[in-house]
Amino acid sequence: MREKGEMLSVEDALNIVKTVSPRLSPLIVPIHEALGKVLAQDIRAPNPLPPFIASVKDGYAVIASDGPGEYPIITESRAGNDGVGVLVTPGTVAYVTTGGDVNSSESECRN
């Protein structure tokens, strides 16, 4: 028996919660009634979104072998499809925002 004011261990607290909180059966509801509900299982997208390699932060797509210097910015690649189909070639760079397409031909992305 615990003394008044004595702290419970995390394990004991979790056991109490599990004991007094029975698991509910899953429900199938229309999407417009799902607000406030929790998924009963993980769901996965059948295809990656976005469908391209996306930048995780703002930066510049460059050709690493170009080395340091000033180069013209040939495009801005923003989240969505800006800059799609534009290739960074030696002597050029592309400004890439978070979520922007990082074309696989670029050898580095610098921020």
PDB file of N, CA and C in Angstrom:
ATOM      1  N   MET A   1       0.851  -1.179   0.000  1.00  0.00           N
ATOM      2  CA  MET A   1       0.000   0.000   0.000  1.00  0.00           C
ATOM      3  C   MET A   1       0.891   1.234   0.000  1.00  0.00           C
ATOM      4  N   ARG A   2       0.536   2.182  -0.809  1.00  0.00           N
ATOM      5  CA  ARG A   2       1.306   3.432  -0.892  1.00  0.00           C
ATOM      6  C   ARG A   2       0.899   4.374   0.223  1.00  0.00           C
ATOM      7  N   GLU A   3       1.863   5.153   0.623  1.00  0.00           N
ATOM      8  CA  GLU A   3       1.570   6.197   1.600  1.00  0.00           C
ATOM      9  C   GLU A   3       0.981   7.394   0.872  1.00  0.00           C
ATOM     10  N   LYS A   4       0.196   8.179   1.551  1.00  0.00           N
ATOM     11  CA  LYS A   4      -0.415   9.364   0.970  1.00  0.00           C
ATOM     12  C   LYS A   4       0.680  10.299   0.448  1.00  0.00           C
ATOM     13  N   GLY A   5       0.536  10.736  -0.816  1.00  0.00           N
ATOM     14  CA  GLY A   5       1.498  11.645  -1.415  1.00  0.00           C
ATOM     15  C   GLY A   5       2.667  10.949  -2.095  1.00  0.00           C
ATOM     16  N   GLU A   6       2.779   9.630  -1.955  1.00  0.00           N
ATOM     17  CA  GLU A   6       3.875   8.896  -2.585  1.00  0.00           C
ATOM     18  C   GLU A   6       3.625   8.797  -4.095  1.00  0.00           C
ATOM     19  N   MET A   7       4.679   9.040  -4.854  1.00  0.00           N
ATOM     20  CA  MET A   7       4.555   9.018  -6.317  1.00  0.00           C
ATOM     21  C   MET A   7       4.446   7.577  -6.819  1.00  0.00           C
ATOM     22  N   LEU A   8       3.624   7.397  -7.861  1.00  0.00           N
ATOM     23  CA  LEU A   8       3.558   6.112  -8.542  1.00  0.00           C
ATOM     24  C   LEU A   8       4.703   6.023  -9.550  1.00  0.00           C
ATOM     25  N   SER A   9       5.182   4.833  -9.773  1.00  0.00           N
ATOM     26  CA  SER A   9       6.155   4.652 -10.846  1.00  0.00           C
ATOM     27  C   SER A   9       5.393   4.740 -12.172  1.00  0.00           C
ATOM     28  N   VAL A  10       6.101   5.018 -13.221  1.00  0.00           N
ATOM     29  CA  VAL A  10       5.469   5.092 -14.546  1.00  0.00           C
ATOM     30  C   VAL A  10       4.824   3.755 -14.878  1.00  0.00           C
ATOM     31  N   GLU A  11       5.525   2.657 -14.587  1.00  0.00           N
ATOM     32  CA  GLU A  11       4.991   1.326 -14.875  1.00  0.00           C
ATOM     33  C   GLU A  11       3.681   1.076 -14.127  1.00  0.00           C
ATOM     34  N   ASP A  12       3.626   1.434 -12.836  1.00  0.00           N
ATOM     35  CA  ASP A  12       2.396   1.250 -12.056  1.00  0.00           C
ATOM     36  C   ASP A  12       1.261   2.119 -12.597  1.00  0.00           C
ATOM     37  N   ALA A  13       1.583   3.357 -12.961  1.00  0.00           N
ATOM     38  CA  ALA A  13       0.564   4.256 -13.511  1.00  0.00           C
ATOM     39  C   ALA A  13       0.006   3.703 -14.823  1.00  0.00           C
ATOM     40  N   LEU A  14       0.885   3.205 -15.702  1.00  0.00           N
ATOM     41  CA  LEU A  14       0.417   2.624 -16.966  1.00  0.00           C
ATOM     42  C   LEU A  14      -0.456   1.399 -16.726  1.00  0.00           C
ATOM     43  N   ASN A  15      -0.090   0.572 -15.759  1.00  0.00           N
ATOM     44  CA  ASN A  15      -0.905  -0.608 -15.446  1.00  0.00           C
ATOM     45  C   ASN A  15      -2.298  -0.210 -14.966  1.00  0.00           C
ATOM     46  N   ILE A  16      -2.396   0.835 -14.165  1.00  0.00           N
ATOM     47  CA  ILE A  16      -3.704   1.308 -13.709  1.00  0.00           C
ATOM     48  C   ILE A  16      -4.529   1.787 -14.898  1.00  0.00           C
ATOM     49  N   VAL A  17      -3.917   2.577 -15.774  1.00  0.00           N
ATOM     50  CA  VAL A  17      -4.631   3.088 -16.950  1.00  0.00           C
ATOM     51  C   VAL A  17      -5.116   1.925 -17.809  1.00  0.00           C
ATOM     52  N   LYS A  18      -4.266   0.941 -18.059  1.00  0.00           N
ATOM     53  CA  LYS A  18      -4.655  -0.213 -18.889  1.00  0.00           C
ATOM     54  C   LYS A  18      -5.783  -1.021 -18.237  1.00  0.00           C
ATOM     55  N   THR A  19      -5.782  -1.093 -16.920  1.00  0.00           N
ATOM     56  CA  THR A  19      -6.800  -1.857 -16.202  1.00  0.00           C
ATOM     57  C   THR A  19      -8.173  -1.183 -16.276  1.00  0.00           C
ATOM     58  N   VAL A  20      -8.210   0.132 -16.124  1.00  0.00           N
ATOM     59  CA  VAL A  20      -9.498   0.825 -16.071  1.00  0.00           C
ATOM     60  C   VAL A  20      -9.944   1.370 -17.435  1.00  0.00           C
ATOM     61  N   SER A  21      -9.116   1.210 -18.458  1.00  0.00           N
ATOM     62  CA  SER A  21      -9.449   1.717 -19.798  1.00  0.00           C
ATOM     63  C   SER A  21      -9.496   0.557 -20.781  1.00  0.00           C
ATOM     64  N   PRO A  22     -10.656  -0.066 -20.915  1.00  0.00           N
ATOM     65  CA  PRO A  22     -10.732  -1.212 -21.827  1.00  0.00           C
ATOM     66  C   PRO A  22     -10.529  -0.777 -23.281  1.00  0.00           C
ATOM     67  N   ARG A  23      -9.935  -1.680 -24.079  1.00  0.00           N
ATOM     68  CA  ARG A  23      -9.734  -1.413 -25.500  1.00  0.00           C
ATOM     69  C   ARG A  23     -11.095  -1.449 -26.198  1.00  0.00           C
ATOM     70  N   LEU A  24     -11.360  -0.438 -27.000  1.00  0.00           N
ATOM     71  CA  LEU A  24     -12.623  -0.369 -27.738  1.00  0.00           C
ATOM     72  C   LEU A  24     -12.510  -1.140 -29.040  1.00  0.00           C
ATOM     73  N   SER A  25     -13.615  -1.646 -29.501  1.00  0.00           N
ATOM     74  CA  SER A  25     -13.639  -2.326 -30.796  1.00  0.00           C
ATOM     75  C   SER A  25     -13.562  -1.290 -31.910  1.00  0.00           C
ATOM     76  N   PRO A  26     -12.875  -1.615 -33.006  1.00  0.00           N
ATOM     77  CA  PRO A  26     -12.790  -0.660 -34.125  1.00  0.00           C
ATOM     78  C   PRO A  26     -14.165  -0.392 -34.728  1.00  0.00           C
ATOM     79  N   LEU A  27     -14.349   0.816 -35.237  1.00  0.00           N
ATOM     80  CA  LEU A  27     -15.571   1.202 -35.936  1.00  0.00           C
ATOM     81  C   LEU A  27     -15.211   1.559 -37.366  1.00  0.00           C
ATOM     82  N   ILE A  28     -16.119   1.330 -38.266  1.00  0.00           N
ATOM     83  CA  ILE A  28     -15.952   1.807 -39.638  1.00  0.00           C
ATOM     84  C   ILE A  28     -16.923   2.965 -39.806  1.00  0.00           C
ATOM     85  N   VAL A  29     -16.367   4.157 -40.098  1.00  0.00           N
ATOM     86  CA  VAL A  29     -17.193   5.352 -40.230  1.00  0.00           C
ATOM     87  C   VAL A  29     -16.863   6.066 -41.537  1.00  0.00           C
ATOM     88  N   PRO A  30     -17.816   6.793 -42.100  1.00  0.00           N
ATOM     89  CA  PRO A  30     -17.527   7.606 -43.285  1.00  0.00           C
ATOM     90  C   PRO A  30     -16.481   8.671 -42.933  1.00  0.00           C
ATOM     91  N   ILE A  31     -15.695   9.073 -43.885  1.00  0.00           N
ATOM     92  CA  ILE A  31     -14.611  10.015 -43.640  1.00  0.00           C
ATOM     93  C   ILE A  31     -15.106  11.299 -42.981  1.00  0.00           C
ATOM     94  N   HIS A  32     -16.295  11.783 -43.338  1.00  0.00           N
ATOM     95  CA  HIS A  32     -16.798  13.028 -42.752  1.00  0.00           C
ATOM     96  C   HIS A  32     -17.211  12.870 -41.292  1.00  0.00           C
ATOM     97  N   GLU A  33     -17.248  11.620 -40.779  1.00  0.00           N
ATOM     98  CA  GLU A  33     -17.545  11.392 -39.362  1.00  0.00           C
ATOM     99  C   GLU A  33     -16.302  10.976 -38.580  1.00  0.00           C
ATOM    100  N   ALA A  34     -15.139  11.004 -39.222  1.00  0.00           N
ATOM    101  CA  ALA A  34     -13.915  10.509 -38.594  1.00  0.00           C
ATOM    102  C   ALA A  34     -13.191  11.557 -37.739  1.00  0.00           C
ATOM    103  N   LEU A  35     -13.611  12.814 -37.808  1.00  0.00           N
ATOM    104  CA  LEU A  35     -12.959  13.855 -37.028  1.00  0.00           C
ATOM    105  C   LEU A  35     -13.001  13.515 -35.539  1.00  0.00           C
ATOM    106  N   GLY A  36     -11.833  13.559 -34.891  1.00  0.00           N
ATOM    107  CA  GLY A  36     -11.758  13.270 -33.467  1.00  0.00           C
ATOM    108  C   GLY A  36     -11.547  11.801 -33.149  1.00  0.00           C
ATOM    109  N   LYS A  37     -11.573  10.959 -34.163  1.00  0.00           N
ATOM    110  CA  LYS A  37     -11.357   9.530 -33.955  1.00  0.00           C
ATOM    111  C   LYS A  37      -9.876   9.206 -34.163  1.00  0.00           C
ATOM    112  N   VAL A  38      -9.448   8.032 -33.718  1.00  0.00           N
ATOM    113  CA  VAL A  38      -8.064   7.568 -33.854  1.00  0.00           C
ATOM    114  C   VAL A  38      -8.078   6.313 -34.716  1.00  0.00           C
ATOM    115  N   LEU A  39      -7.101   6.205 -35.629  1.00  0.00           N
ATOM    116  CA  LEU A  39      -7.031   5.024 -36.478  1.00  0.00           C
ATOM    117  C   LEU A  39      -6.769   3.770 -35.657  1.00  0.00           C
ATOM    118  N   ALA A  40      -7.421   2.666 -36.011  1.00  0.00           N
ATOM    119  CA  ALA A  40      -7.222   1.399 -35.322  1.00  0.00           C
ATOM    120  C   ALA A  40      -5.948   0.712 -35.809  1.00  0.00           C
ATOM    121  N   GLN A  41      -5.477   1.084 -36.993  1.00  0.00           N
ATOM    122  CA  GLN A  41      -4.248   0.496 -37.535  1.00  0.00           C
ATOM    123  C   GLN A  41      -3.588   1.506 -38.461  1.00  0.00           C
ATOM    124  N   ASP A  42      -2.305   1.284 -38.731  1.00  0.00           N
ATOM    125  CA  ASP A  42      -1.576   2.167 -39.633  1.00  0.00           C
ATOM    126  C   ASP A  42      -2.106   2.028 -41.048  1.00  0.00           C
ATOM    127  N   ILE A  43      -2.050   3.117 -41.795  1.00  0.00           N
ATOM    128  CA  ILE A  43      -2.364   3.059 -43.223  1.00  0.00           C
ATOM    129  C   ILE A  43      -1.145   3.561 -43.985  1.00  0.00           C
ATOM    130  N   ARG A  44      -0.961   3.076 -45.182  1.00  0.00           N
ATOM    131  CA  ARG A  44       0.180   3.466 -46.001  1.00  0.00           C
ATOM    132  C   ARG A  44      -0.304   3.855 -47.388  1.00  0.00           C
ATOM    133  N   ALA A  45       0.313   4.887 -47.936  1.00  0.00           N
ATOM    134  CA  ALA A  45      -0.007   5.304 -49.303  1.00  0.00           C
ATOM    135  C   ALA A  45       0.572   4.278 -50.269  1.00  0.00           C
ATOM    136  N   PRO A  46      -0.155   3.945 -51.329  1.00  0.00           N
ATOM    137  CA  PRO A  46       0.369   2.969 -52.289  1.00  0.00           C
ATOM    138  C   PRO A  46       1.547   3.514 -53.090  1.00  0.00           C
ATOM    139  N   ASN A  47       1.652   4.838 -53.190  1.00  0.00           N
ATOM    140  CA  ASN A  47       2.743   5.464 -53.930  1.00  0.00           C
ATOM    141  C   ASN A  47       3.299   6.599 -53.085  1.00  0.00           C
ATOM    142  N   PRO A  48       4.604   6.881 -53.217  1.00  0.00           N
ATOM    143  CA  PRO A  48       5.180   7.968 -52.427  1.00  0.00           C
ATOM    144  C   PRO A  48       4.629   9.324 -52.851  1.00  0.00           C
ATOM    145  N   LEU A  49       4.423  10.187 -51.865  1.00  0.00           N
ATOM    146  CA  LEU A  49       3.979  11.548 -52.146  1.00  0.00           C
ATOM    147  C   LEU A  49       4.910  12.509 -51.437  1.00  0.00           C
ATOM    148  N   PRO A  50       5.496  13.462 -52.083  1.00  0.00           N
ATOM    149  CA  PRO A  50       5.384  13.701 -53.513  1.00  0.00           C
ATOM    150  C   PRO A  50       6.099  12.599 -54.306  1.00  0.00           C
ATOM    151  N   PRO A  51       5.788  12.485 -55.599  1.00  0.00           N
ATOM    152  CA  PRO A  51       6.364  11.403 -56.408  1.00  0.00           C
ATOM    153  C   PRO A  51       7.769  11.718 -56.919  1.00  0.00           C
ATOM    154  N   PHE A  52       8.519  12.512 -56.171  1.00  0.00           N
ATOM    155  CA  PHE A  52       9.891  12.847 -56.555  1.00  0.00           C
ATOM    156  C   PHE A  52      10.704  13.036 -55.275  1.00  0.00           C
ATOM    157  N   ILE A  53      12.015  13.092 -55.412  1.00  0.00           N
ATOM    158  CA  ILE A  53      12.875  13.354 -54.260  1.00  0.00           C
ATOM    159  C   ILE A  53      12.705  14.821 -53.893  1.00  0.00           C
ATOM    160  N   ALA A  54      12.210  15.081 -52.689  1.00  0.00           N
ATOM    161  CA  ALA A  54      11.917  16.449 -52.266  1.00  0.00           C
ATOM    162  C   ALA A  54      12.955  16.941 -51.266  1.00  0.00           C
ATOM    163  N   SER A  55      13.262  18.226 -51.359  1.00  0.00           N
ATOM    164  CA  SER A  55      14.194  18.862 -50.435  1.00  0.00           C
ATOM    165  C   SER A  55      13.561  18.955 -49.050  1.00  0.00           C
ATOM    166  N   VAL A  56      14.350  18.714 -48.007  1.00  0.00           N
ATOM    167  CA  VAL A  56      13.837  18.830 -46.646  1.00  0.00           C
ATOM    168  C   VAL A  56      14.038  20.229 -46.076  1.00  0.00           C
ATOM    169  N   LYS A  57      14.798  21.082 -46.768  1.00  0.00           N
ATOM    170  CA  LYS A  57      14.920  22.480 -46.364  1.00  0.00           C
ATOM    171  C   LYS A  57      15.399  23.308 -47.549  1.00  0.00           C
ATOM    172  N   ASP A  58      15.292  24.621 -47.424  1.00  0.00           N
ATOM    173  CA  ASP A  58      15.711  25.515 -48.499  1.00  0.00           C
ATOM    174  C   ASP A  58      17.209  25.379 -48.753  1.00  0.00           C
ATOM    175  N   GLY A  59      17.596  25.485 -50.013  1.00  0.00           N
ATOM    176  CA  GLY A  59      19.014  25.409 -50.356  1.00  0.00           C
ATOM    177  C   GLY A  59      19.210  25.571 -51.848  1.00  0.00           C
ATOM    178  N   TYR A  60      20.357  25.167 -52.332  1.00  0.00           N
ATOM    179  CA  TYR A  60      20.700  25.282 -53.743  1.00  0.00           C
ATOM    180  C   TYR A  60      21.160  23.928 -54.260  1.00  0.00           C
ATOM    181  N   ALA A  61      20.627  23.522 -55.399  1.00  0.00           N
ATOM    182  CA  ALA A  61      21.094  22.311 -56.072  1.00  0.00           C
ATOM    183  C   ALA A  61      22.274  22.722 -56.928  1.00  0.00           C
ATOM    184  N   VAL A  62      23.398  22.035 -56.754  1.00  0.00           N
ATOM    185  CA  VAL A  62      24.639  22.399 -57.440  1.00  0.00           C
ATOM    186  C   VAL A  62      25.297  21.155 -58.008  1.00  0.00           C
ATOM    187  N   ILE A  63      26.245  21.359 -58.887  1.00  0.00           N
ATOM    188  CA  ILE A  63      27.117  20.289 -59.350  1.00  0.00           C
ATOM    189  C   ILE A  63      28.379  20.375 -58.482  1.00  0.00           C
ATOM    190  N   ALA A  64      28.622  19.347 -57.671  1.00  0.00           N
ATOM    191  CA  ALA A  64      29.708  19.395 -56.688  1.00  0.00           C
ATOM    192  C   ALA A  64      31.059  19.656 -57.338  1.00  0.00           C
ATOM    193  N   SER A  65      31.279  19.104 -58.510  1.00  0.00           N
ATOM    194  CA  SER A  65      32.588  19.262 -59.146  1.00  0.00           C
ATOM    195  C   SER A  65      32.844  20.691 -59.619  1.00  0.00           C
ATOM    196  N   ASP A  66      31.809  21.550 -59.649  1.00  0.00           N
ATOM    197  CA  ASP A  66      32.010  22.952 -60.040  1.00  0.00           C
ATOM    198  C   ASP A  66      32.869  23.695 -59.028  1.00  0.00           C
ATOM    199  N   GLY A  67      32.843  23.309 -57.775  1.00  0.00           N
ATOM    200  CA  GLY A  67      33.628  23.983 -56.754  1.00  0.00           C
ATOM    201  C   GLY A  67      33.025  25.318 -56.364  1.00  0.00           C
ATOM    202  N   PRO A  68      33.702  26.039 -55.451  1.00  0.00           N
ATOM    203  CA  PRO A  68      33.180  27.320 -54.981  1.00  0.00           C
ATOM    204  C   PRO A  68      33.157  28.359 -56.096  1.00  0.00           C
ATOM    205  N   GLY A  69      32.251  29.311 -55.976  1.00  0.00           N
ATOM    206  CA  GLY A  69      32.163  30.395 -56.948  1.00  0.00           C
ATOM    207  C   GLY A  69      30.765  30.941 -57.031  1.00  0.00           C
ATOM    208  N   GLU A  70      30.581  31.892 -57.919  1.00  0.00           N
ATOM    209  CA  GLU A  70      29.257  32.462 -58.162  1.00  0.00           C
ATOM    210  C   GLU A  70      28.736  31.901 -59.474  1.00  0.00           C
ATOM    211  N   TYR A  71      27.498  31.377 -59.429  1.00  0.00           N
ATOM    212  CA  TYR A  71      26.903  30.751 -60.604  1.00  0.00           C
ATOM    213  C   TYR A  71      25.490  31.294 -60.800  1.00  0.00           C
ATOM    214  N   PRO A  72      25.026  31.325 -62.040  1.00  0.00           N
ATOM    215  CA  PRO A  72      23.664  31.811 -62.278  1.00  0.00           C
ATOM    216  C   PRO A  72      22.625  30.814 -61.774  1.00  0.00           C
ATOM    217  N   ILE A  73      21.552  31.371 -61.190  1.00  0.00           N
ATOM    218  CA  ILE A  73      20.421  30.544 -60.756  1.00  0.00           C
ATOM    219  C   ILE A  73      19.515  30.372 -61.959  1.00  0.00           C
ATOM    220  N   ILE A  74      19.376  29.121 -62.434  1.00  0.00           N
ATOM    221  CA  ILE A  74      18.606  28.882 -63.661  1.00  0.00           C
ATOM    222  C   ILE A  74      17.129  28.607 -63.414  1.00  0.00           C
ATOM    223  N   THR A  75      16.765  28.260 -62.177  1.00  0.00           N
ATOM    224  CA  THR A  75      15.358  28.014 -61.862  1.00  0.00           C
ATOM    225  C   THR A  75      15.162  28.044 -60.358  1.00  0.00           C
ATOM    226  N   GLU A  76      13.913  28.145 -59.947  1.00  0.00           N
ATOM    227  CA  GLU A  76      13.534  27.993 -58.548  1.00  0.00           C
ATOM    228  C   GLU A  76      12.593  26.803 -58.473  1.00  0.00           C
ATOM    229  N   SER A  77      12.932  25.833 -57.654  1.00  0.00           N
ATOM    230  CA  SER A  77      12.110  24.643 -57.494  1.00  0.00           C
ATOM    231  C   SER A  77      11.388  24.736 -56.156  1.00  0.00           C
ATOM    232  N   ARG A  78      10.082  24.940 -56.221  1.00  0.00           N
ATOM    233  CA  ARG A  78       9.272  25.069 -55.004  1.00  0.00           C
ATOM    234  C   ARG A  78       8.407  23.824 -54.839  1.00  0.00           C
ATOM    235  N   ALA A  79       7.789  23.700 -53.690  1.00  0.00           N
ATOM    236  CA  ALA A  79       6.880  22.574 -53.469  1.00  0.00           C
ATOM    237  C   ALA A  79       5.840  22.569 -54.582  1.00  0.00           C
ATOM    238  N   GLY A  80       5.567  21.417 -55.103  1.00  0.00           N
ATOM    239  CA  GLY A  80       4.669  21.306 -56.252  1.00  0.00           C
ATOM    240  C   GLY A  80       5.480  20.864 -57.439  1.00  0.00           C
ATOM    241  N   ASN A  81       5.308  21.558 -58.555  1.00  0.00           N
ATOM    242  CA  ASN A  81       6.035  21.114 -59.741  1.00  0.00           C
ATOM    243  C   ASN A  81       6.882  22.201 -60.387  1.00  0.00           C
ATOM    244  N   ASP A  82       7.165  23.300 -59.689  1.00  0.00           N
ATOM    245  CA  ASP A  82       8.054  24.318 -60.247  1.00  0.00           C
ATOM    246  C   ASP A  82       9.417  23.706 -60.521  1.00  0.00           C
ATOM    247  N   GLY A  83      10.006  24.021 -61.628  1.00  0.00           N
ATOM    248  CA  GLY A  83      11.357  23.558 -61.933  1.00  0.00           C
ATOM    249  C   GLY A  83      11.435  22.131 -62.418  1.00  0.00           C
ATOM    250  N   VAL A  84      10.308  21.440 -62.536  1.00  0.00           N
ATOM    251  CA  VAL A  84      10.327  20.061 -63.010  1.00  0.00           C
ATOM    252  C   VAL A  84      10.805  20.047 -64.458  1.00  0.00           C
ATOM    253  N   GLY A  85      11.720  19.164 -64.757  1.00  0.00           N
ATOM    254  CA  GLY A  85      12.232  19.052 -66.109  1.00  0.00           C
ATOM    255  C   GLY A  85      13.435  19.943 -66.386  1.00  0.00           C
ATOM    256  N   VAL A  86      13.779  20.836 -65.470  1.00  0.00           N
ATOM    257  CA  VAL A  86      14.954  21.689 -65.639  1.00  0.00           C
ATOM    258  C   VAL A  86      16.146  20.961 -65.024  1.00  0.00           C
ATOM    259  N   LEU A  87      17.215  20.814 -65.784  1.00  0.00           N
ATOM    260  CA  LEU A  87      18.397  20.136 -65.284  1.00  0.00           C
ATOM    261  C   LEU A  87      19.463  21.151 -64.904  1.00  0.00           C
ATOM    262  N   VAL A  88      20.051  20.950 -63.737  1.00  0.00           N
ATOM    263  CA  VAL A  88      21.188  21.771 -63.336  1.00  0.00           C
ATOM    264  C   VAL A  88      22.394  21.203 -64.068  1.00  0.00           C
ATOM    265  N   THR A  89      23.058  22.062 -64.812  1.00  0.00           N
ATOM    266  CA  THR A  89      24.219  21.641 -65.585  1.00  0.00           C
ATOM    267  C   THR A  89      25.463  22.305 -65.005  1.00  0.00           C
ATOM    268  N   PRO A  90      26.643  21.819 -65.348  1.00  0.00           N
ATOM    269  CA  PRO A  90      27.853  22.460 -64.813  1.00  0.00           C
ATOM    270  C   PRO A  90      27.831  23.968 -65.038  1.00  0.00           C
ATOM    271  N   GLY A  91      28.209  24.705 -63.984  1.00  0.00           N
ATOM    272  CA  GLY A  91      28.248  26.161 -64.058  1.00  0.00           C
ATOM    273  C   GLY A  91      26.931  26.837 -63.744  1.00  0.00           C
ATOM    274  N   THR A  92      25.921  26.078 -63.293  1.00  0.00           N
ATOM    275  CA  THR A  92      24.624  26.660 -62.936  1.00  0.00           C
ATOM    276  C   THR A  92      24.171  26.087 -61.596  1.00  0.00           C
ATOM    277  N   VAL A  93      23.188  26.740 -60.968  1.00  0.00           N
ATOM    278  CA  VAL A  93      22.578  26.247 -59.734  1.00  0.00           C
ATOM    279  C   VAL A  93      21.074  26.457 -59.816  1.00  0.00           C
ATOM    280  N   ALA A  94      20.343  25.768 -58.955  1.00  0.00           N
ATOM    281  CA  ALA A  94      18.896  25.961 -58.853  1.00  0.00           C
ATOM    282  C   ALA A  94      18.566  26.218 -57.391  1.00  0.00           C
ATOM    283  N   TYR A  95      17.724  27.210 -57.127  1.00  0.00           N
ATOM    284  CA  TYR A  95      17.253  27.464 -55.770  1.00  0.00           C
ATOM    285  C   TYR A  95      16.132  26.478 -55.493  1.00  0.00           C
ATOM    286  N   VAL A  96      16.220  25.756 -54.378  1.00  0.00           N
ATOM    287  CA  VAL A  96      15.234  24.729 -54.047  1.00  0.00           C
ATOM    288  C   VAL A  96      14.651  25.036 -52.674  1.00  0.00           C
ATOM    289  N   THR A  97      13.330  25.222 -52.598  1.00  0.00           N
ATOM    290  CA  THR A  97      12.679  25.464 -51.307  1.00  0.00           C
ATOM    291  C   THR A  97      12.277  24.134 -50.680  1.00  0.00           C
ATOM    292  N   THR A  98      11.910  24.180 -49.418  1.00  0.00           N
ATOM    293  CA  THR A  98      11.446  22.976 -48.737  1.00  0.00           C
ATOM    294  C   THR A  98      10.299  22.357 -49.522  1.00  0.00           C
ATOM    295  N   GLY A  99      10.419  21.072 -49.825  1.00  0.00           N
ATOM    296  CA  GLY A  99       9.395  20.368 -50.591  1.00  0.00           C
ATOM    297  C   GLY A  99       9.605  20.439 -52.087  1.00  0.00           C
ATOM    298  N   GLY A 100      10.600  21.199 -52.524  1.00  0.00           N
ATOM    299  CA  GLY A 100      10.871  21.325 -53.955  1.00  0.00           C
ATOM    300  C   GLY A 100      11.524  20.079 -54.520  1.00  0.00           C
ATOM    301  N   ASP A 101      11.356  19.880 -55.816  1.00  0.00           N
ATOM    302  CA  ASP A 101      11.919  18.742 -56.520  1.00  0.00           C
ATOM    303  C   ASP A 101      13.439  18.873 -56.582  1.00  0.00           C
ATOM    304  N   VAL A 102      14.138  17.866 -56.075  1.00  0.00           N
ATOM    305  CA  VAL A 102      15.586  17.819 -56.184  1.00  0.00           C
ATOM    306  C   VAL A 102      15.897  16.814 -57.269  1.00  0.00           C
ATOM    307  N   ASN A 103      16.151  17.319 -58.477  1.00  0.00           N
ATOM    308  CA  ASN A 103      16.391  16.442 -59.619  1.00  0.00           C
ATOM    309  C   ASN A 103      17.583  15.535 -59.355  1.00  0.00           C
ATOM    310  N   SER A 104      17.445  14.275 -59.724  1.00  0.00           N
ATOM    311  CA  SER A 104      18.487  13.291 -59.414  1.00  0.00           C
ATOM    312  C   SER A 104      19.795  13.564 -60.162  1.00  0.00           C
ATOM    313  N   SER A 105      19.800  14.447 -61.146  1.00  0.00           N
ATOM    314  CA  SER A 105      21.050  14.722 -61.853  1.00  0.00           C
ATOM    315  C   SER A 105      21.971  15.639 -61.043  1.00  0.00           C
ATOM    316  N   GLU A 106      21.417  16.373 -60.057  1.00  0.00           N
ATOM    317  CA  GLU A 106      22.267  17.239 -59.245  1.00  0.00           C
ATOM    318  C   GLU A 106      23.091  16.370 -58.305  1.00  0.00           C
ATOM    319  N   SER A 107      24.313  16.734 -58.096  1.00  0.00           N
ATOM    320  CA  SER A 107      25.144  15.890 -57.244  1.00  0.00           C
ATOM    321  C   SER A 107      25.120  16.317 -55.790  1.00  0.00           C
ATOM    322  N   GLU A 108      24.653  17.519 -55.500  1.00  0.00           N
ATOM    323  CA  GLU A 108      24.570  17.965 -54.112  1.00  0.00           C
ATOM    324  C   GLU A 108      23.482  19.009 -53.966  1.00  0.00           C
ATOM    325  N   CYS A 109      23.000  19.122 -52.747  1.00  0.00           N
ATOM    326  CA  CYS A 109      22.070  20.210 -52.432  1.00  0.00           C
ATOM    327  C   CYS A 109      22.637  20.890 -51.209  1.00  0.00           C
ATOM    328  N   ARG A 110      22.977  22.173 -51.317  1.00  0.00           N
ATOM    329  CA  ARG A 110      23.594  22.927 -50.231  1.00  0.00           C
ATOM    330  C   ARG A 110      22.614  23.922 -49.662  1.00  0.00           C
ATOM    331  N   ASN A 111      22.692  24.159 -48.338  1.00  0.00           N
ATOM    332  CA  ASN A 111      21.844  25.187 -47.753  1.00  0.00           C
ATOM    333  C   ASN A 111      22.678  26.254 -47.129  1.00  0.00           C
TER     334      ASN A 111
END
